[in-house]
Amino acid sequence: MQLKAAVEKVNPSTDPANPTTVVVDDHGNATVTTKDGKTKVIPASELVKTQDQADGANAGNNVNKPADRVSAKTSRLRRS
């Protein structure tokens, strides 16, 4: 139930008459269905990390760091 509660927390229902639903299967995969009927399955590998993964680089997350690929050049200020 902890996993379901965590997924529900980041996918809150905004319409009490037609709420977002979260179902977690026996393998830890979460299926999220939004109020407009869109469904997304989030694999357990994206939701649960081992302690070794959590202690490792990026806390075990596959994160995209676009700032690592950006270079910025400084420009000289003009004085009038």
C-alpha atoms as a PDB file:
ATOM      1  CA  MET A   1       0.000   0.000   0.000  1.00  0.00           C
ATOM      2  CA  GLN A   2       2.950   2.353   0.472  1.00  0.00           C
ATOM      3  CA  LEU A   3       3.720   2.249  -3.243  1.00  0.00           C
ATOM      4  CA  LYS A   4       0.117   2.957  -4.223  1.00  0.00           C
ATOM      5  CA  ALA A   5      -0.062   5.900  -1.808  1.00  0.00           C
ATOM      6  CA  ALA A   6       3.186   7.349  -3.186  1.00  0.00           C
ATOM      7  CA  VAL A   7       1.952   7.103  -6.787  1.00  0.00           C
ATOM      8  CA  GLU A   8      -1.406   8.628  -5.828  1.00  0.00           C
ATOM      9  CA  LYS A   9       0.390  11.516  -4.122  1.00  0.00           C
ATOM     10  CA  VAL A  10       2.150  12.559  -7.335  1.00  0.00           C
ATOM     11  CA  ASN A  11      -0.964  11.887  -9.460  1.00  0.00           C
ATOM     12  CA  PRO A  12      -3.693  13.602  -7.425  1.00  0.00           C
ATOM     13  CA  SER A  13      -7.338  13.523  -8.414  1.00  0.00           C
ATOM     14  CA  THR A  14      -8.758  16.911  -9.307  1.00  0.00           C
ATOM     15  CA  ASP A  15     -12.310  15.752 -10.021  1.00  0.00           C
ATOM     16  CA  PRO A  16     -14.001  13.864  -7.157  1.00  0.00           C
ATOM     17  CA  ALA A  17     -16.755  12.671  -9.511  1.00  0.00           C
ATOM     18  CA  ASN A  18     -14.210  11.080 -11.868  1.00  0.00           C
ATOM     19  CA  PRO A  19     -10.988  10.475  -9.904  1.00  0.00           C
ATOM     20  CA  THR A  20      -7.597   9.290 -11.067  1.00  0.00           C
ATOM     21  CA  THR A  21      -7.147   5.617 -10.187  1.00  0.00           C
ATOM     22  CA  VAL A  22      -3.951   3.794  -9.311  1.00  0.00           C
ATOM     23  CA  VAL A  23      -3.661   0.004  -9.341  1.00  0.00           C
ATOM     24  CA  VAL A  24      -0.438  -1.759  -8.311  1.00  0.00           C
ATOM     25  CA  ASP A  25      -0.026  -5.344  -9.500  1.00  0.00           C
ATOM     26  CA  ASP A  26       1.781  -8.219  -7.767  1.00  0.00           C
ATOM     27  CA  HIS A  27       5.033  -7.303  -9.546  1.00  0.00           C
ATOM     28  CA  GLY A  28       5.032  -3.677  -8.343  1.00  0.00           C
ATOM     29  CA  ASN A  29       3.963  -2.119 -11.659  1.00  0.00           C
ATOM     30  CA  ALA A  30       1.533   0.773 -11.238  1.00  0.00           C
ATOM     31  CA  THR A  31      -1.282   1.459 -13.693  1.00  0.00           C
ATOM     32  CA  VAL A  32      -2.522   5.041 -13.527  1.00  0.00           C
ATOM     33  CA  THR A  33      -5.812   5.964 -15.199  1.00  0.00           C
ATOM     34  CA  THR A  34      -6.640   9.662 -15.383  1.00  0.00           C
ATOM     35  CA  LYS A  35     -10.086  11.239 -15.265  1.00  0.00           C
ATOM     36  CA  ASP A  36     -10.127  11.509 -19.069  1.00  0.00           C
ATOM     37  CA  GLY A  37      -9.472   7.770 -19.467  1.00  0.00           C
ATOM     38  CA  LYS A  38      -5.788   7.894 -20.389  1.00  0.00           C
ATOM     39  CA  THR A  39      -3.829   4.965 -18.960  1.00  0.00           C
ATOM     40  CA  LYS A  40      -0.101   4.666 -18.274  1.00  0.00           C
ATOM     41  CA  VAL A  41       1.741   1.694 -16.812  1.00  0.00           C
ATOM     42  CA  ILE A  42       4.779   2.645 -14.736  1.00  0.00           C
ATOM     43  CA  PRO A  43       7.173  -0.295 -14.435  1.00  0.00           C
ATOM     44  CA  ALA A  44       8.312  -1.348 -10.977  1.00  0.00           C
ATOM     45  CA  SER A  45      11.911  -0.665 -12.041  1.00  0.00           C
ATOM     46  CA  GLU A  46      11.044   3.050 -12.202  1.00  0.00           C
ATOM     47  CA  LEU A  47       9.255   3.036  -8.852  1.00  0.00           C
ATOM     48  CA  VAL A  48      11.347   0.886  -6.526  1.00  0.00           C
ATOM     49  CA  LYS A  49      15.114   0.987  -5.962  1.00  0.00           C
ATOM     50  CA  THR A  50      17.411  -1.265  -3.982  1.00  0.00           C
ATOM     51  CA  GLN A  51      19.557   0.300  -1.267  1.00  0.00           C
ATOM     52  CA  ASP A  52      22.631  -0.065  -3.496  1.00  0.00           C
ATOM     53  CA  GLN A  53      20.863   1.792  -6.306  1.00  0.00           C
ATOM     54  CA  ALA A  54      19.672   4.518  -3.944  1.00  0.00           C
ATOM     55  CA  ASP A  55      23.212   4.979  -2.620  1.00  0.00           C
ATOM     56  CA  GLY A  56      24.705   5.104  -6.130  1.00  0.00           C
ATOM     57  CA  ALA A  57      25.012   7.834  -8.718  1.00  0.00           C
ATOM     58  CA  ASN A  58      21.788   9.794  -9.283  1.00  0.00           C
ATOM     59  CA  ALA A  59      20.179   7.756  -6.487  1.00  0.00           C
ATOM     60  CA  GLY A  60      19.515   4.996  -8.999  1.00  0.00           C
ATOM     61  CA  ASN A  61      17.467   7.237 -11.277  1.00  0.00           C
ATOM     62  CA  ASN A  62      18.019   7.521 -14.992  1.00  0.00           C
ATOM     63  CA  VAL A  63      17.970  11.298 -15.127  1.00  0.00           C
ATOM     64  CA  ASN A  64      18.549  13.549 -18.084  1.00  0.00           C
ATOM     65  CA  LYS A  65      20.906  16.435 -17.420  1.00  0.00           C
ATOM     66  CA  PRO A  66      20.624  18.763 -20.381  1.00  0.00           C
ATOM     67  CA  ALA A  67      22.710  21.394 -18.580  1.00  0.00           C
ATOM     68  CA  ASP A  68      25.712  19.075 -18.929  1.00  0.00           C
ATOM     69  CA  ARG A  69      25.485  19.476 -22.680  1.00  0.00           C
ATOM     70  CA  VAL A  70      25.041  23.229 -22.747  1.00  0.00           C
ATOM     71  CA  SER A  71      27.931  25.594 -23.050  1.00  0.00           C
ATOM     72  CA  ALA A  72      27.628  29.265 -22.366  1.00  0.00           C
ATOM     73  CA  LYS A  73      29.993  31.956 -23.496  1.00  0.00           C
ATOM     74  CA  THR A  74      30.410  35.122 -21.576  1.00  0.00           C
ATOM     75  CA  SER A  75      30.110  38.323 -23.500  1.00  0.00           C
ATOM     76  CA  ARG A  76      31.832  41.569 -22.817  1.00  0.00           C
ATOM     77  CA  LEU A  77      29.641  44.365 -21.598  1.00  0.00           C
ATOM     78  CA  ARG A  78      29.667  47.499 -23.684  1.00  0.00           C
ATOM     79  CA  ARG A  79      30.121  50.783 -21.978  1.00  0.00           C
ATOM     80  CA  SER A  80      28.544  53.811 -23.496  1.00  0.00           C
END
